[in-house]
Every structure is written in C-alpha cells, then in structure tokens.
C-alpha cells in the first residue's frame, strides 16, 4: 500500500504536530453570576462547581482565576429588584455596574470584561423584553437595552453582549454607544440564539424563567438554519463585532455555516444544559469528565468557533486540560 494514513497517528508527538484543530486558553470566556450583598458564595445546585457571588467574593475568585490566566469574563446580574419595565437593568448602582467598577479598580486592564445585556432577570414576568397583552414588544424594548448597555459601558465594560433576540437591538445599542463617544466598546451579539431545552439550569442560576408562556416568539426556531444565518447577517450590518451561536453542542452545523458566511469572529456558548449533562455523567461515574469536555471543546473549534464561552473554563485552564 502506498497510502497509509496511520503513519501520521503513530504516537502522540506526530498526532500533535499534524492536528488540524488547536485550542488555546485565550479562546475561552468564563461566565459569572453576581448577586447583591456581602460574603455570598452560594453553589448553584443544577450547575455543580458554579456559584452565585457577591461582589466582594467575586473579587477573590477572579484573583484566583487570574493566576491561571482566566482573564476574559462574562457577567450576569442576578437577584436585583424586578419590575414590569425592567428599570433595574440600567440602574447605575445595580450589581453589574458596581462589579465592573470594582473589578476595573482592582485589576485594571488585566481583565477583559463583557456583560450580558438582557432584561429577563429584571422583569417580573421573566421575559426578555417589555410585555404588553402577553406579547413581548420589540421596539419599546430597544430603548431599555440601549440604556442597559450604556450603563455597563460607562462603568467599564469592554464589550456588551445583547442576548434578547429583539429585532434591531444591535443597531440601537451601537447608536447609543457611539452617541456617547463609546466607540471602542465592542458588541458580541447573541446573533443565533435558539429557543430550546438546553437553558434549564441557567434559568435557575439567573432567576429568569418566564412566568408565563415561552420565548419562541423571539428566539430562533431550532428547525431553521437559513433564518439563523439571516439573523447573523442583519446583526453584522447593524454593527456587531462578534457573532455568537447559542447553544453550541446541538448546533455545530450552524457554527460551521456561520464561519463560512462571515469574516467576523465567531463565538459559541457552551450553555448550562450542556455543562450540567457532562457534570452529571461524570459525577455518576458514567463518563470521563476531562475526555468528554475536551472532545466537546475541540468540536466547537473544529466547527469554526474561535471564541468559546463555557462554564468548564476554570477546570480546563486550572487543571491544565489543554
């Protein structure tokens, strides 16, 4: 035989040299859930290893992570006062802007700080926009999202990440930031975000489950691939700097399609349900956690994601799984 592909699989040295897909620590973003109060570090039962942190405890945990190079963070606010029109989402004294100021004061430019921009954790009804007549109103929500993004950018966010899936929200946020002179604040759009079953643990973590109905009228239908690419193209036209696919594991085809359709960086969100399934299997002795996690991470990168948001980040980096 002339062709023997196994020659390039003989041992680990040659396998590493010819590997088509590479992972590095600087591809990963680590999410945090921040709550009001002091001295709070509470485990989230449905997400083993993930906690709610008050700002003082957050600072301690971030300092520990920095020693291993965990320096790209995505912040979610939890436990704030809820209202029908989500005024707390853009309160400059709420936990996310306060955390941004303290993180920036303590760590300066050692951190790259990204904030989730959505009102689901700030509304009494748990939906991602202003609710009227049992329907989420698109255009009135845009003003709230723009105010929220501005509040975060003023407090020190390097990047804002709108996750609401309202039409036109990237453009509304970009205009608001530019008018304020915040032209260097980047936007990572949850451009391709599907309605589905993979978010269950997150909704516990963020206290953001809809009180009534579901999110299918604004998040994408998981049967539709062309519609997903249209959403991403619109966000790119409106000024997004990075396009994200969420969830990741069941949507590798969309990551690959989006990578081929845009010149922008492509991110994926390895969501709570994906994380908790791996953790549950590992805790029950049904799977090798490290092997399964890394197989998933390489699948995301192989599909075309250059940025991976994952709750596994600390394990990957601190335990040297790379």
Protein backbone atom coordinates (compact mmCIF):
# COMPACT_ATOMS: atom_id res chain seq x y z
CA UNK A 1 0.00 0.00 0.00
CA UNK A 2 1.22 3.49 -0.86
CA UNK A 3 -1.41 5.34 1.17
CA UNK A 4 -1.17 4.63 4.90
CA UNK A 5 -2.87 7.42 6.86
CA UNK A 6 -1.97 5.65 10.11
CA UNK A 7 1.64 6.79 9.67
CA UNK A 8 0.56 10.18 10.99
CA UNK A 9 -1.13 8.63 14.02
CA UNK A 10 1.82 6.55 15.22
CA UNK A 11 2.40 8.38 18.50
CA UNK A 12 1.35 11.49 20.42
CA UNK A 13 4.20 13.61 19.05
CA UNK A 14 3.18 13.17 15.43
CA UNK A 15 -0.53 13.40 16.25
CA UNK A 16 0.01 16.76 17.95
CA UNK A 17 2.15 18.04 15.10
CA UNK A 18 -0.42 17.34 12.39
CA UNK A 19 -3.55 18.18 14.42
CA UNK A 20 -5.86 20.29 12.30
CA UNK A 21 -7.65 21.94 15.21
CA UNK A 22 -5.88 23.76 18.04
CA UNK A 23 -7.19 25.10 21.32
CA UNK A 24 -5.59 27.77 23.49
CA UNK A 25 -6.54 29.39 26.79
CA UNK A 26 -7.12 32.77 25.15
CA UNK A 27 -10.14 31.35 23.26
CA UNK A 28 -12.18 30.91 26.45
CA UNK A 29 -14.59 33.23 28.28
CA UNK A 30 -15.77 32.39 31.81
CA UNK A 31 -19.27 33.42 32.98
CA UNK A 32 -20.06 34.74 36.47
CA UNK A 33 -23.40 35.20 38.25
CA UNK A 34 -23.30 38.25 40.55
CA UNK A 35 -25.79 38.90 43.35
CA UNK A 36 -26.34 41.74 45.85
CA UNK A 37 -24.98 41.52 49.36
CA UNK A 38 -21.68 40.66 51.01
CA UNK A 39 -19.95 37.41 51.80
CA UNK A 40 -22.11 35.46 49.35
CA UNK A 41 -20.72 32.41 47.60
CA UNK A 42 -23.60 30.04 47.11
CA UNK A 43 -23.41 26.92 44.94
CA UNK A 44 -25.97 26.60 42.15
CA UNK A 45 -27.39 23.08 42.63
CA UNK A 46 -28.13 22.39 38.97
CA UNK A 47 -24.66 23.57 37.87
CA UNK A 48 -22.06 21.76 40.01
CA UNK A 49 -18.96 23.90 40.51
CA UNK A 50 -20.71 27.18 39.61
CA UNK A 51 -21.73 29.75 42.24
CA UNK A 52 -23.56 32.96 42.90
CA UNK A 53 -21.04 35.57 44.08
CA UNK A 54 -21.47 38.87 45.85
CA UNK A 55 -19.00 41.45 44.60
CA UNK A 56 -16.52 41.01 47.46
CA UNK A 57 -16.40 37.25 46.91
CA UNK A 58 -16.28 37.78 43.15
CA UNK A 59 -13.09 39.81 43.51
CA UNK A 60 -11.45 36.97 45.46
CA UNK A 61 -12.46 34.35 42.93
CA UNK A 62 -11.38 36.44 39.95
CA UNK A 63 -7.97 36.97 41.60
CA UNK A 64 -7.58 33.19 41.94
CA UNK A 65 -8.54 32.67 38.32
CA UNK A 66 -6.15 35.34 37.09
CA UNK A 67 -3.23 33.32 38.41
CA UNK A 68 -4.09 30.73 35.77
CA UNK A 69 -4.87 33.19 33.01
CA UNK A 70 -8.66 33.29 33.30
CA UNK A 71 -8.96 36.93 32.30
CA UNK A 72 -11.95 37.15 29.95
CA UNK A 73 -15.20 37.27 31.91
CA UNK A 74 -18.91 37.44 31.06
CA UNK A 75 -21.01 38.98 33.84
CA UNK A 76 -24.68 38.30 34.64
CA UNK A 77 -26.65 40.20 37.27
CA UNK A 78 -29.00 38.15 39.48
CA UNK A 79 -31.30 38.92 42.37
CA UNK A 80 -31.95 42.56 41.62
CA UNK A 81 -35.30 44.27 42.10
CA UNK A 82 -37.72 43.20 39.38
CA UNK A 83 -40.31 45.42 37.71
CA UNK A 84 -42.65 45.27 34.78
CA UNK A 85 -40.45 47.55 32.67
CA UNK A 86 -37.04 46.41 33.96
CA UNK A 87 -35.81 49.76 35.29
CA UNK A 88 -33.25 47.91 37.40
CA UNK A 89 -31.49 46.71 34.26
CA UNK A 90 -29.99 50.16 33.68
CA UNK A 91 -29.65 51.32 37.29
CA UNK A 92 -26.01 52.52 37.62
CA UNK A 93 -25.93 51.19 41.18
CA UNK A 94 -27.09 47.66 40.36
CA UNK A 95 -24.68 44.75 40.83
CA UNK A 96 -23.25 44.55 37.32
CA UNK A 97 -22.07 48.18 37.01
CA UNK A 98 -20.86 48.11 40.61
CA UNK A 99 -18.93 44.93 39.90
CA UNK A 100 -17.46 46.45 36.74
CA UNK A 101 -16.17 49.46 38.64
CA UNK A 102 -14.64 47.38 41.41
CA UNK A 103 -13.10 44.84 39.02
CA UNK A 104 -11.58 47.65 36.98
CA UNK A 105 -10.30 49.38 40.10
CA UNK A 106 -8.74 46.17 41.44
CA UNK A 107 -7.37 44.64 38.27
CA UNK A 108 -7.22 47.41 35.68
CA UNK A 109 -6.59 46.15 32.16
CA UNK A 110 -5.63 42.66 33.33
CA UNK A 111 -9.26 41.70 32.66
CA UNK A 112 -11.42 41.90 29.57
CA UNK A 113 -14.94 42.48 30.86
CA UNK A 114 -18.06 41.51 28.93
CA UNK A 115 -21.63 41.96 30.15
CA UNK A 116 -24.82 40.20 29.19
CA UNK A 117 -27.42 42.70 28.03
CA UNK A 118 -30.93 41.35 28.54
CA UNK A 119 -33.82 42.23 30.83
CA UNK A 120 -35.13 38.74 31.68
CA UNK A 121 -33.57 38.79 35.17
CA UNK A 122 -35.01 42.26 35.83
CA UNK A 123 -38.66 41.77 34.80
CA UNK A 124 -41.45 40.46 36.99
CA UNK A 125 -42.63 38.25 34.11
CA UNK A 126 -39.20 36.83 33.22
CA UNK A 127 -39.33 37.66 29.52
CA UNK A 128 -36.52 39.30 27.57
CA UNK A 129 -38.47 42.46 26.74
CA UNK A 130 -41.38 44.72 27.61
CA UNK A 131 -44.53 42.64 27.85
CA UNK A 132 -47.89 44.00 26.75
CA UNK A 133 -51.03 41.94 26.04
CA UNK A 134 -48.98 38.77 26.67
CA UNK A 135 -46.63 39.62 23.79
CA UNK A 136 -43.07 40.90 24.04
CA UNK A 137 -42.97 44.31 22.37
CA UNK A 138 -39.91 44.70 20.19
CA UNK A 139 -39.36 48.43 19.70
CA UNK A 140 -40.08 49.62 23.27
CA UNK A 141 -37.55 47.03 24.47
CA UNK A 142 -34.78 48.52 22.32
CA UNK A 143 -34.65 51.68 24.42
CA UNK A 144 -34.23 49.66 27.64
CA UNK A 145 -31.48 47.52 26.12
CA UNK A 146 -29.61 50.58 24.84
CA UNK A 147 -29.79 52.17 28.30
CA UNK A 148 -28.55 48.95 29.90
CA UNK A 149 -25.61 48.69 27.51
CA UNK A 150 -24.72 52.35 28.12
CA UNK A 151 -24.80 51.83 31.88
CA UNK A 152 -22.41 48.90 31.58
CA UNK A 153 -20.07 50.67 29.16
CA UNK A 154 -19.88 53.76 31.37
CA UNK A 155 -18.98 51.50 34.33
CA UNK A 156 -16.08 49.90 32.50
CA UNK A 157 -17.35 47.10 30.24
CA UNK A 158 -15.03 46.40 27.31
CA UNK A 159 -17.80 44.62 25.43
CA UNK A 160 -21.57 44.25 25.72
CA UNK A 161 -23.40 41.13 24.62
CA UNK A 162 -27.11 41.53 23.81
CA UNK A 163 -28.88 38.20 24.28
CA UNK A 164 -32.52 39.23 23.97
CA UNK A 165 -33.10 38.49 20.25
CA UNK A 166 -35.14 41.65 19.61
CA UNK A 167 -35.03 42.86 16.01
CA UNK A 168 -32.70 45.84 15.61
CA UNK A 169 -31.13 45.72 19.04
CA UNK A 170 -27.51 45.68 17.83
CA UNK A 171 -28.12 48.84 15.80
CA UNK A 172 -29.88 50.56 18.71
CA UNK A 173 -27.02 49.72 21.09
CA UNK A 174 -24.34 50.74 18.58
CA UNK A 175 -26.01 54.13 18.00
CA UNK A 176 -26.36 54.74 21.74
CA UNK A 177 -22.72 53.86 22.41
CA UNK A 178 -21.42 55.97 19.53
CA UNK A 179 -23.51 58.99 20.52
CA UNK A 180 -21.94 58.76 23.98
CA UNK A 181 -18.44 58.61 22.46
CA UNK A 182 -18.03 54.96 23.49
CA UNK A 183 -16.91 53.95 20.01
CA UNK A 184 -14.41 51.38 21.30
CA UNK A 185 -16.98 49.42 23.30
CA UNK A 186 -17.42 46.23 21.29
CA UNK A 187 -20.64 44.29 20.71
CA UNK A 188 -20.74 40.50 20.79
CA UNK A 189 -24.20 39.65 19.54
CA UNK A 190 -26.07 36.53 20.53
CA UNK A 191 -26.88 36.53 16.83
CA UNK A 192 -28.03 32.93 16.50
CA UNK A 193 -29.85 32.08 19.72
CA UNK A 194 -32.35 29.26 19.65
CA UNK A 195 -35.37 28.62 21.84
CA UNK A 196 -34.94 25.20 23.36
CA UNK A 197 -34.43 22.91 26.32
CA UNK A 198 -30.72 23.45 26.99
CA UNK A 199 -31.15 26.52 29.22
CA UNK A 200 -32.86 24.92 32.21
CA UNK A 201 -30.01 25.18 34.75
CA UNK A 202 -29.24 28.76 33.65
CA UNK A 203 -32.79 29.85 34.38
CA UNK A 204 -32.33 28.66 37.94
CA UNK A 205 -28.96 30.38 38.15
CA UNK A 206 -30.22 33.69 36.75
CA UNK A 207 -33.75 33.50 38.22
CA UNK A 208 -35.03 34.32 34.74
CA UNK A 209 -37.57 31.67 33.76
CA UNK A 210 -40.67 33.13 32.08
CA UNK A 211 -43.56 33.27 34.49
CA UNK A 212 -45.97 32.62 31.64
CA UNK A 213 -45.57 31.33 28.12
CA UNK A 214 -42.24 30.72 26.42
CA UNK A 215 -39.65 32.57 24.32
CA UNK A 216 -40.44 31.08 20.94
CA UNK A 217 -41.86 34.32 19.57
CA UNK A 218 -38.42 35.98 19.72
CA UNK A 219 -35.73 33.29 20.00
CA UNK A 220 -35.00 31.20 16.90
CA UNK A 221 -36.84 28.05 15.89
CA UNK A 222 -34.31 25.22 16.07
CA UNK A 223 -35.67 23.78 12.83
CA UNK A 224 -34.43 26.79 10.84
CA UNK A 225 -30.87 27.17 9.58
CA UNK A 226 -31.33 29.76 6.82
CA UNK A 227 -33.26 32.03 9.18
CA UNK A 228 -30.37 31.77 11.65
CA UNK A 229 -27.87 32.96 9.03
CA UNK A 230 -30.19 35.82 8.11
CA UNK A 231 -30.28 36.93 11.76
CA UNK A 232 -26.47 36.88 11.89
CA UNK A 233 -26.18 38.87 8.66
CA UNK A 234 -28.55 41.53 10.00
CA UNK A 235 -26.54 41.86 13.21
CA UNK A 236 -23.34 42.22 11.21
CA UNK A 237 -24.94 45.00 9.14
CA UNK A 238 -26.04 46.75 12.33
CA UNK A 239 -22.51 46.87 13.74
CA UNK A 240 -21.83 43.67 15.68
CA UNK A 241 -18.13 42.93 16.18
CA UNK A 242 -18.51 39.23 17.07
CA UNK A 243 -21.34 36.84 16.19
CA UNK A 244 -22.34 34.09 18.59
CA UNK A 245 -24.21 30.79 18.23
CA UNK A 246 -26.11 29.58 21.29
CA UNK A 247 -26.41 26.73 22.28
CA UNK A 248 -23.30 25.14 20.84
CA UNK A 249 -23.31 21.36 21.03
CA UNK A 250 -26.50 20.65 19.09
CA UNK A 251 -25.78 23.47 16.63
CA UNK A 252 -22.34 22.65 15.29
CA UNK A 253 -23.74 22.86 11.76
CA UNK A 254 -24.73 26.48 12.37
CA UNK A 255 -21.30 27.33 13.77
CA UNK A 256 -19.75 25.91 10.59
CA UNK A 257 -22.23 27.67 8.31
CA UNK A 258 -21.76 30.99 10.07
CA UNK A 259 -17.97 30.64 9.92
CA UNK A 260 -18.27 30.28 6.14
CA UNK A 261 -20.70 33.18 5.83
CA UNK A 262 -18.85 35.96 7.70
CA UNK A 263 -15.41 37.48 8.13
CA UNK A 264 -16.23 38.45 11.74
CA UNK A 265 -15.02 36.35 14.68
CA UNK A 266 -17.46 33.56 15.56
CA UNK A 267 -18.20 32.63 19.17
CA UNK A 268 -20.29 29.84 20.65
CA UNK A 269 -21.90 29.48 24.07
CA UNK A 270 -21.46 26.08 25.70
CA UNK A 271 -24.65 26.51 27.70
CA UNK A 272 -25.76 25.37 31.14
CA UNK A 273 -27.64 22.27 29.99
CA UNK A 274 -24.61 21.05 28.04
CA UNK A 275 -22.39 21.74 31.04
CA UNK A 276 -24.66 20.06 33.58
CA UNK A 277 -25.15 16.93 31.46
CA UNK A 278 -21.40 16.36 31.40
CA UNK A 279 -21.10 17.07 35.13
CA UNK A 280 -23.95 14.69 35.97
CA UNK A 281 -22.47 11.90 33.85
CA UNK A 282 -19.05 12.39 35.43
CA UNK A 283 -20.41 12.53 38.99
CA UNK A 284 -22.24 9.25 38.41
CA UNK A 285 -19.17 7.57 37.00
CA UNK A 286 -20.74 7.25 33.55
CA UNK A 287 -18.10 9.27 31.68
CA UNK A 288 -14.56 10.60 31.87
CA UNK A 289 -15.18 14.29 32.53
CA UNK A 290 -11.94 15.62 31.12
CA UNK A 291 -12.18 13.49 27.98
CA UNK A 292 -15.80 14.46 27.31
CA UNK A 293 -15.24 18.17 27.99
CA UNK A 294 -12.25 18.38 25.71
CA UNK A 295 -13.97 16.42 22.95
CA UNK A 296 -16.76 19.00 23.07
CA UNK A 297 -14.34 21.92 23.05
CA UNK A 298 -12.48 20.57 20.04
CA UNK A 299 -15.82 20.00 18.29
CA UNK A 300 -16.70 23.68 18.76
CA UNK A 301 -13.32 24.80 17.44
CA UNK A 302 -13.38 22.30 14.58
CA UNK A 303 -16.78 23.63 13.52
CA UNK A 304 -15.32 27.12 13.33
CA UNK A 305 -15.69 28.85 16.70
CA UNK A 306 -12.67 30.95 17.62
CA UNK A 307 -14.22 32.01 20.94
CA UNK A 308 -15.83 29.59 23.41
CA UNK A 309 -17.95 30.72 26.37
CA UNK A 310 -18.00 27.84 28.82
CA UNK A 311 -18.58 27.09 32.48
CA UNK A 312 -15.86 24.46 32.08
CA UNK A 313 -13.24 27.20 31.54
CA UNK A 314 -11.81 27.15 35.05
CA UNK A 315 -11.39 23.37 35.01
CA UNK A 316 -9.84 23.45 31.55
CA UNK A 317 -7.31 26.12 32.44
CA UNK A 318 -6.58 25.44 36.12
CA UNK A 319 -6.30 21.66 35.68
CA UNK A 320 -4.21 22.05 32.53
CA UNK A 321 -6.61 20.04 30.39
CA UNK A 322 -5.30 21.83 27.32
